[in-house]
Protein backbone atom coordinates (compact mmCIF):
# COMPACT_ATOMS: atom_id res chain seq x y z
CA MET A 1 120.86 104.60 98.79
CA ASN A 2 121.01 104.73 95.23
CA ALA A 3 117.58 105.15 94.07
CA PRO A 4 116.95 101.47 92.14
CA SER A 5 116.51 100.56 88.49
CA LEU A 6 113.32 100.06 87.45
CA SER A 7 111.27 99.48 83.97
CA ARG A 8 108.96 101.77 82.44
CA ARG A 9 106.22 99.89 83.65
CA GLU A 10 107.57 99.53 87.17
CA ALA A 11 108.52 103.15 87.11
CA LEU A 12 105.00 104.26 85.82
CA ARG A 13 103.09 102.50 88.64
CA HIS A 14 105.40 103.91 91.25
CA LEU A 15 104.47 107.12 90.35
CA ALA A 16 100.63 106.75 90.74
CA VAL A 17 99.22 108.92 94.09
CA ALA A 18 97.00 107.44 95.87
CA ALA A 19 96.03 107.64 99.65
CA VAL A 20 93.06 107.60 101.57
CA LEU A 21 92.73 108.95 105.22
CA PRO A 22 91.66 106.39 107.33
CA VAL A 23 89.47 107.02 109.98
CA ALA A 24 90.80 104.49 113.26
CA GLY A 25 87.61 102.83 115.24
CA GLY A 26 89.53 104.01 118.24
CA TRP A 27 89.90 108.02 117.00
CA LEU A 28 86.50 108.44 116.73
CA ALA A 29 85.62 106.04 120.02
CA GLY A 30 85.19 109.36 121.89
CA CYS A 31 83.52 111.86 119.20
CA ALA A 32 80.60 110.28 120.78
CA THR A 33 77.40 112.86 119.99
CA SER A 34 75.79 111.98 123.80
CA GLY A 35 72.92 110.67 121.61
CA ARG A 36 72.21 113.66 119.81
CA PRO A 37 71.49 111.99 115.92
CA THR A 38 73.98 114.17 113.47
CA THR A 39 74.96 114.07 109.78
CA ALA A 40 78.51 114.26 107.99
CA SER A 41 79.14 117.26 106.35
CA VAL A 42 81.38 119.38 103.93
CA VAL A 43 81.82 123.08 104.07
CA GLY A 44 84.05 124.72 102.09
CA ALA A 45 85.94 128.16 102.16
CA ALA A 46 88.02 130.82 100.59
CA PHE A 47 91.60 129.96 101.59
CA GLY A 48 94.01 131.70 99.12
CA GLN A 49 95.40 132.23 95.82
CA MET A 50 97.79 131.01 93.51
CA PRO A 51 100.02 132.97 92.32
CA ASP A 52 98.64 133.68 88.74
CA GLY A 53 95.49 134.66 90.40
CA ARG A 54 93.42 130.97 90.64
CA PRO A 55 91.50 130.98 93.79
CA VAL A 56 92.40 127.81 96.70
CA HIS A 57 89.94 126.33 98.85
CA LEU A 58 89.71 124.95 101.93
CA TYR A 59 87.06 121.87 102.70
CA THR A 60 86.27 120.78 106.17
CA LEU A 61 84.49 117.63 106.02
CA LYS A 62 82.53 116.77 109.50
CA ASN A 63 81.56 112.85 110.40
CA ALA A 64 78.39 111.95 112.07
CA SER A 65 80.21 111.76 115.52
CA GLY A 66 81.21 115.24 115.20
CA ALA A 67 85.13 114.80 114.16
CA THR A 68 86.31 116.99 111.31
CA VAL A 69 89.39 116.91 109.05
CA GLY A 70 90.16 120.47 107.72
CA VAL A 71 92.14 119.64 103.60
CA SER A 72 92.98 122.13 101.38
CA GLU A 73 93.21 122.20 97.23
CA TYR A 74 97.29 123.60 97.88
CA GLY A 75 99.13 120.28 97.55
CA ALA A 76 96.11 118.43 99.23
CA THR A 77 96.76 119.42 102.34
CA ILE A 78 95.95 118.39 105.50
CA THR A 79 95.39 121.81 107.28
CA SER A 80 93.76 120.05 110.53
CA ILE A 81 92.23 116.97 112.20
CA ARG A 82 90.59 117.84 115.45
CA VAL A 83 89.26 115.04 117.71
CA PRO A 84 88.78 115.30 121.41
CA ASP A 85 91.74 115.66 123.53
CA ARG A 86 91.43 113.36 126.85
CA THR A 87 89.04 115.87 128.43
CA GLY A 88 86.79 115.70 125.53
CA GLN A 89 87.32 118.99 124.34
CA PRO A 90 88.79 119.41 120.14
CA ALA A 91 91.76 119.72 119.81
CA ASN A 92 93.73 120.29 116.24
CA VAL A 93 96.07 117.00 115.68
CA VAL A 94 98.13 118.37 113.15
CA PHE A 95 101.06 120.91 112.84
CA GLY A 96 99.09 123.29 110.16
CA GLY A 97 99.54 126.95 109.38
CA ASP A 98 96.26 128.65 109.56
CA SER A 99 96.56 130.72 105.97
CA MET A 100 98.07 129.44 102.53
CA ASP A 101 100.26 131.84 102.70
CA ALA A 102 102.07 129.48 105.71
CA TYR A 103 102.04 127.01 103.27
CA GLN A 104 103.60 129.34 100.28
CA ARG A 105 106.29 130.06 102.41
CA GLY A 106 107.55 126.38 102.88
CA LEU A 107 105.73 125.31 106.46
CA PRO A 108 106.16 121.75 106.81
CA ALA A 109 102.83 120.15 106.69
CA ALA A 110 100.76 117.00 105.81
CA SER A 111 100.25 117.65 102.08
CA VAL A 112 100.92 115.39 98.98
CA ILE A 113 104.89 114.84 98.36
CA GLY A 114 105.86 113.23 95.25
CA ARG A 115 106.53 112.08 92.79
CA TYR A 116 109.06 110.71 94.27
CA ALA A 117 108.23 110.71 98.55
CA ASN A 118 112.13 110.72 100.08
CA ARG A 119 115.46 111.19 98.80
CA ILE A 120 117.16 110.30 95.86
CA HIS A 121 120.87 110.22 95.72
CA GLY A 122 122.76 111.94 93.38
CA ALA A 123 119.51 113.69 91.39
CA ARG A 124 119.65 110.04 89.23
CA PHE A 125 118.41 107.05 88.53
CA THR A 126 118.44 104.77 85.86
CA LEU A 127 115.95 103.63 83.90
CA GLU A 128 115.92 100.29 81.15
CA GLY A 129 119.90 100.89 81.19
CA ARG A 130 119.23 104.91 80.96
CA GLU A 131 120.54 107.27 83.31
CA VAL A 132 117.90 110.34 84.32
CA ARG A 133 119.11 113.00 85.96
CA ILE A 134 116.28 115.27 87.52
CA THR A 135 116.64 118.19 89.71
CA ALA A 136 118.79 118.90 93.05
CA ASN A 137 117.11 120.63 95.94
CA GLU A 138 118.56 119.38 98.93
CA GLY A 139 122.06 119.51 98.35
CA GLY A 140 122.87 117.09 95.50
CA ASN A 141 120.05 115.40 96.18
CA HIS A 142 115.99 115.42 94.78
CA ILE A 143 113.67 115.14 97.66
CA HIS A 144 109.76 114.58 97.76
CA GLY A 145 109.19 115.64 93.97
CA GLY A 146 111.95 118.87 94.20
CA ARG A 147 111.25 121.93 93.71
CA GLU A 148 108.12 122.18 91.96
CA GLY A 149 106.83 118.90 93.64
CA PHE A 150 102.46 117.29 94.09
CA ALA A 151 102.87 120.05 97.56
CA SER A 152 102.65 123.30 95.78
CA LYS A 153 100.18 122.49 92.78
CA LEU A 154 96.73 123.60 92.66
CA TRP A 155 94.41 120.43 92.98
CA GLN A 156 90.63 119.84 91.62
CA SER A 157 88.48 118.88 93.96
CA HIS A 158 84.88 117.19 94.41
CA THR A 159 83.02 116.86 97.56
CA THR A 160 80.02 114.55 98.16
CA VAL A 161 78.56 113.26 101.55
CA GLU A 162 77.13 109.80 101.83
CA GLY A 163 75.19 108.97 104.91
CA SER A 164 77.81 109.49 107.86
CA THR A 165 80.44 109.78 105.30
CA ALA A 166 81.96 112.96 104.25
CA ILE A 167 84.33 112.70 100.97
CA ALA A 168 86.31 115.63 98.57
CA GLU A 169 88.67 114.31 96.28
CA PHE A 170 91.90 115.65 94.75
CA ARG A 171 92.65 114.68 91.52
CA TYR A 172 96.09 116.62 90.20
CA ARG A 173 95.54 115.63 86.20
CA LYS A 174 94.69 112.41 86.27
CA LYS A 175 95.65 111.46 89.52
CA ALA A 176 92.78 111.13 92.27
CA ILE A 177 93.29 111.45 96.06
CA PRO A 178 90.17 110.49 97.88
CA ALA A 179 90.26 111.94 101.57
CA ILE A 180 87.65 110.22 103.22
CA TRP A 181 85.96 110.72 106.55
CA THR A 182 82.98 108.51 108.49
CA SER A 183 81.68 107.20 111.36
CA PRO A 184 82.59 104.18 112.85
């Protein structure tokens, strides 16, 4: 399938990156705290470093019900989502790694992909009547942002807690991706 022909305005709109981690009420229904009052929290820890030595942090967002999400500045990657299993024990429902090294080696993960999600056939597309060639990284095609996609970038982070909501916002250049974990 060939990539569509887009105007410059449409192309820029498609390049804007935005994602929110919605919390389905059903996921948290089993996360009751047995009447114990709790609050949301965000805890940061060292996760590794980029090849140039810049540190990378991992944040654990916890909602007032006790469910957690782990998210790394490397690729704005969701490393874990821990919710109760059928016996009430916390279980990680994300296929993730225990170290940043696993992600740097190419662990398929819940990272931000882009600038384009999916495959661009032939690693080329037409923009305003002009053919644009891009890096092929999967056979003769371009997939998920190429060799230097968003999943391998260090994102700037800002964390906060607002009542029962833990928030981590990740920015790569001027694009913001909020990760919000809240209670129903």
